[in-house]
Amino acid sequence: MKIQKQFFSLEEDNDDLTIGLVRLAKDIPDYELFFTVNRINHFCFSRIEDLVIDGEYFTYKFAQFQAYHHEVKTCFRFIRNISYEGIRKKESFELFSGEESVKFLLHNHIDVDYIATSSDVIADFSLILLPDLLVFQIQEFPLSSDDELYQIIQYYE
């Protein structure tokens, strides 16, 4: 009787990334949301360099906020789903160019206000305390390595 060797692989073939979808209960500005979030957490979110995406006719800017949780050594980042500025690069003479002055990172989820990311392989967004009256519960959402947003997040990480 032959004995077959079995190997345990620590590497996963799955390169999925888990992001958090953050929806606001009411429309408030960024500074008011993060002021409230910073008051109830023992780590502070601060504004960092904008995420910039170049389109054919516009350059889009998305606000980013980042915080570092010292106890679990994890960096959390919130990226605004809608661009706050669309800078026209060149004039479009086509009637339907498919590109507008406003862009959503998750164009299938325009109701999402922020995209939460984590530096950990297994994201635990429950570590972020959010004000119940301003923000709904964070919904986890898997991104495959084929998605454009996955490539953008990896580039800016």
Protein backbone atom coordinates (compact mmCIF):
# COMPACT_ATOMS: atom_id res chain seq x y z
CA MET A 1 0.00 0.00 0.00
CA LYS A 2 1.45 3.35 -1.07
CA ILE A 3 1.35 6.34 1.21
CA GLN A 4 0.38 9.57 -0.47
CA LYS A 5 1.86 12.78 0.79
CA GLN A 6 -0.49 15.64 1.40
CA PHE A 7 0.71 19.20 1.42
CA PHE A 8 -0.88 22.11 3.19
CA SER A 9 -0.65 25.33 1.23
CA LEU A 10 -0.56 28.57 3.19
CA GLU A 11 -0.92 30.65 0.07
CA GLU A 12 -4.42 31.26 -1.12
CA ASP A 13 -5.19 31.20 -4.79
CA ASN A 14 -7.95 33.66 -4.08
CA ASP A 15 -6.73 37.26 -4.38
CA ASP A 16 -10.02 38.82 -3.31
CA LEU A 17 -10.03 42.01 -1.26
CA THR A 18 -12.77 42.79 1.24
CA ILE A 19 -13.92 46.39 1.38
CA GLY A 20 -16.60 47.98 3.51
CA LEU A 21 -19.52 49.90 2.05
CA VAL A 22 -20.42 52.87 4.25
CA ARG A 23 -23.79 54.57 3.82
CA LEU A 24 -24.75 57.76 5.63
CA ALA A 25 -28.15 58.01 7.33
CA LYS A 26 -28.30 61.71 6.47
CA ASP A 27 -26.30 63.95 4.20
CA ILE A 28 -23.51 65.60 6.21
CA PRO A 29 -20.13 67.04 5.17
CA ASP A 30 -16.91 65.03 5.54
CA TYR A 31 -15.51 67.12 8.38
CA GLU A 32 -18.65 66.70 10.50
CA LEU A 33 -18.70 62.92 10.04
CA PHE A 34 -15.04 62.41 10.90
CA PHE A 35 -15.19 64.86 13.82
CA THR A 36 -17.92 62.66 15.31
CA VAL A 37 -16.10 59.42 14.45
CA ASN A 38 -12.87 60.72 16.00
CA ARG A 39 -14.68 61.65 19.23
CA ILE A 40 -15.95 58.11 19.85
CA ASN A 41 -12.79 56.19 18.79
CA HIS A 42 -9.37 56.21 20.44
CA PHE A 43 -7.70 56.62 17.03
CA CYS A 44 -8.21 59.60 14.74
CA PHE A 45 -9.00 59.80 11.06
CA SER A 46 -7.25 62.56 9.17
CA ARG A 47 -7.46 63.72 5.58
CA ILE A 48 -4.68 62.40 3.37
CA GLU A 49 -3.71 62.97 -0.25
CA ASP A 50 -6.63 62.64 -2.65
CA LEU A 51 -7.14 59.58 -4.79
CA VAL A 52 -6.80 60.81 -8.40
CA ILE A 53 -8.15 58.99 -11.45
CA ASP A 54 -7.41 60.18 -14.97
CA GLY A 55 -10.17 59.70 -17.50
CA GLU A 56 -10.08 60.56 -21.17
CA TYR A 57 -11.84 63.91 -20.76
CA PHE A 58 -11.71 64.54 -16.99
CA THR A 59 -9.39 64.09 -14.02
CA TYR A 60 -11.35 63.00 -10.94
CA LYS A 61 -10.43 63.61 -7.30
CA PHE A 62 -11.78 61.56 -4.39
CA ALA A 63 -11.31 62.54 -0.73
CA GLN A 64 -9.45 60.01 1.47
CA PHE A 65 -9.28 59.73 5.26
CA GLN A 66 -6.91 57.45 7.14
CA ALA A 67 -6.46 56.26 10.74
CA TYR A 68 -4.07 53.86 12.44
CA HIS A 69 -5.33 51.54 15.18
CA HIS A 70 -2.30 51.07 17.48
CA GLU A 71 -3.63 48.09 19.43
CA VAL A 72 -4.21 45.83 16.43
CA LYS A 73 -1.67 47.59 14.20
CA THR A 74 -4.13 48.16 11.36
CA CYS A 75 -4.50 51.10 9.04
CA PHE A 76 -8.07 51.99 8.03
CA ARG A 77 -8.90 54.17 5.07
CA PHE A 78 -12.19 55.74 4.00
CA ILE A 79 -12.45 56.82 0.36
CA ARG A 80 -15.34 58.96 -0.83
CA ASN A 81 -17.33 57.04 -3.46
CA ILE A 82 -18.23 60.15 -5.46
CA SER A 83 -15.64 62.52 -6.87
CA TYR A 84 -15.69 66.00 -5.37
CA GLU A 85 -13.97 67.54 -8.39
CA GLY A 86 -13.86 66.74 -12.07
CA ILE A 87 -11.23 68.78 -13.90
CA ARG A 88 -11.80 68.96 -17.64
CA LYS A 89 -8.70 67.88 -19.57
CA LYS A 90 -10.03 68.32 -23.08
CA GLU A 91 -13.26 69.23 -24.78
CA SER A 92 -15.55 66.41 -25.87
CA PHE A 93 -17.19 66.83 -29.25
CA GLU A 94 -19.07 63.55 -29.01
CA LEU A 95 -22.69 63.64 -27.92
CA PHE A 96 -22.39 60.57 -25.67
CA SER A 97 -18.76 60.16 -24.67
CA GLY A 98 -19.68 58.04 -21.64
CA GLU A 99 -17.70 60.30 -19.32
CA GLU A 100 -19.26 62.94 -17.09
CA SER A 101 -17.87 65.56 -14.73
CA VAL A 102 -18.83 63.39 -11.71
CA LYS A 103 -17.57 59.81 -11.25
CA PHE A 104 -18.41 57.03 -8.80
CA LEU A 105 -15.76 54.50 -7.80
CA LEU A 106 -18.51 51.90 -7.41
CA HIS A 107 -20.79 52.91 -10.27
CA ASN A 108 -23.20 50.04 -9.49
CA HIS A 109 -23.54 51.27 -5.88
CA ILE A 110 -24.21 55.00 -6.11
CA ASP A 111 -25.98 54.92 -2.71
CA VAL A 112 -22.63 54.17 -1.02
CA ASP A 113 -20.98 57.28 0.44
CA TYR A 114 -17.59 55.87 1.50
CA ILE A 115 -15.50 52.80 0.75
CA ALA A 116 -13.63 51.46 3.78
CA THR A 117 -10.38 49.54 3.33
CA SER A 118 -8.03 47.89 5.80
CA SER A 119 -4.33 47.08 5.68
CA ASP A 120 -5.05 43.63 7.16
CA VAL A 121 -5.59 40.63 4.93
CA ILE A 122 -8.78 39.89 6.87
CA ALA A 123 -10.54 43.21 7.30
CA ASP A 124 -12.35 43.74 10.61
CA PHE A 125 -14.40 46.90 10.26
CA SER A 126 -16.16 46.25 13.58
CA LEU A 127 -13.14 47.88 15.26
CA ILE A 128 -14.33 51.25 13.95
CA LEU A 129 -17.03 52.72 16.17
CA LEU A 130 -19.52 54.68 14.08
CA PRO A 131 -22.27 57.05 15.27
CA ASP A 132 -25.59 55.18 15.01
CA LEU A 133 -27.63 58.23 14.05
CA LEU A 134 -25.31 59.27 11.20
CA VAL A 135 -24.05 56.03 9.64
CA PHE A 136 -25.61 52.67 8.84
CA GLN A 137 -23.74 49.45 9.63
CA ILE A 138 -20.71 48.79 7.37
CA GLN A 139 -21.50 46.16 4.75
CA GLU A 140 -18.60 43.95 3.69
CA PHE A 141 -18.16 43.59 -0.06
CA PRO A 142 -15.66 41.34 -1.89
CA LEU A 143 -13.59 42.75 -4.76
CA SER A 144 -11.90 40.40 -7.17
CA SER A 145 -8.51 41.17 -8.66
CA ASP A 146 -10.21 41.74 -12.03
CA ASP A 147 -12.08 44.82 -10.79
CA GLU A 148 -10.74 48.28 -11.66
CA LEU A 149 -11.31 49.47 -8.07
CA TYR A 150 -9.14 46.60 -6.78
CA GLN A 151 -6.25 47.82 -8.95
CA ILE A 152 -6.75 51.43 -7.79
CA ILE A 153 -6.78 50.46 -4.09
CA GLN A 154 -3.66 48.33 -4.48
CA TYR A 155 -1.87 51.18 -6.26
CA TYR A 156 -2.68 53.74 -3.56
CA GLU A 157 -1.93 51.38 -0.64
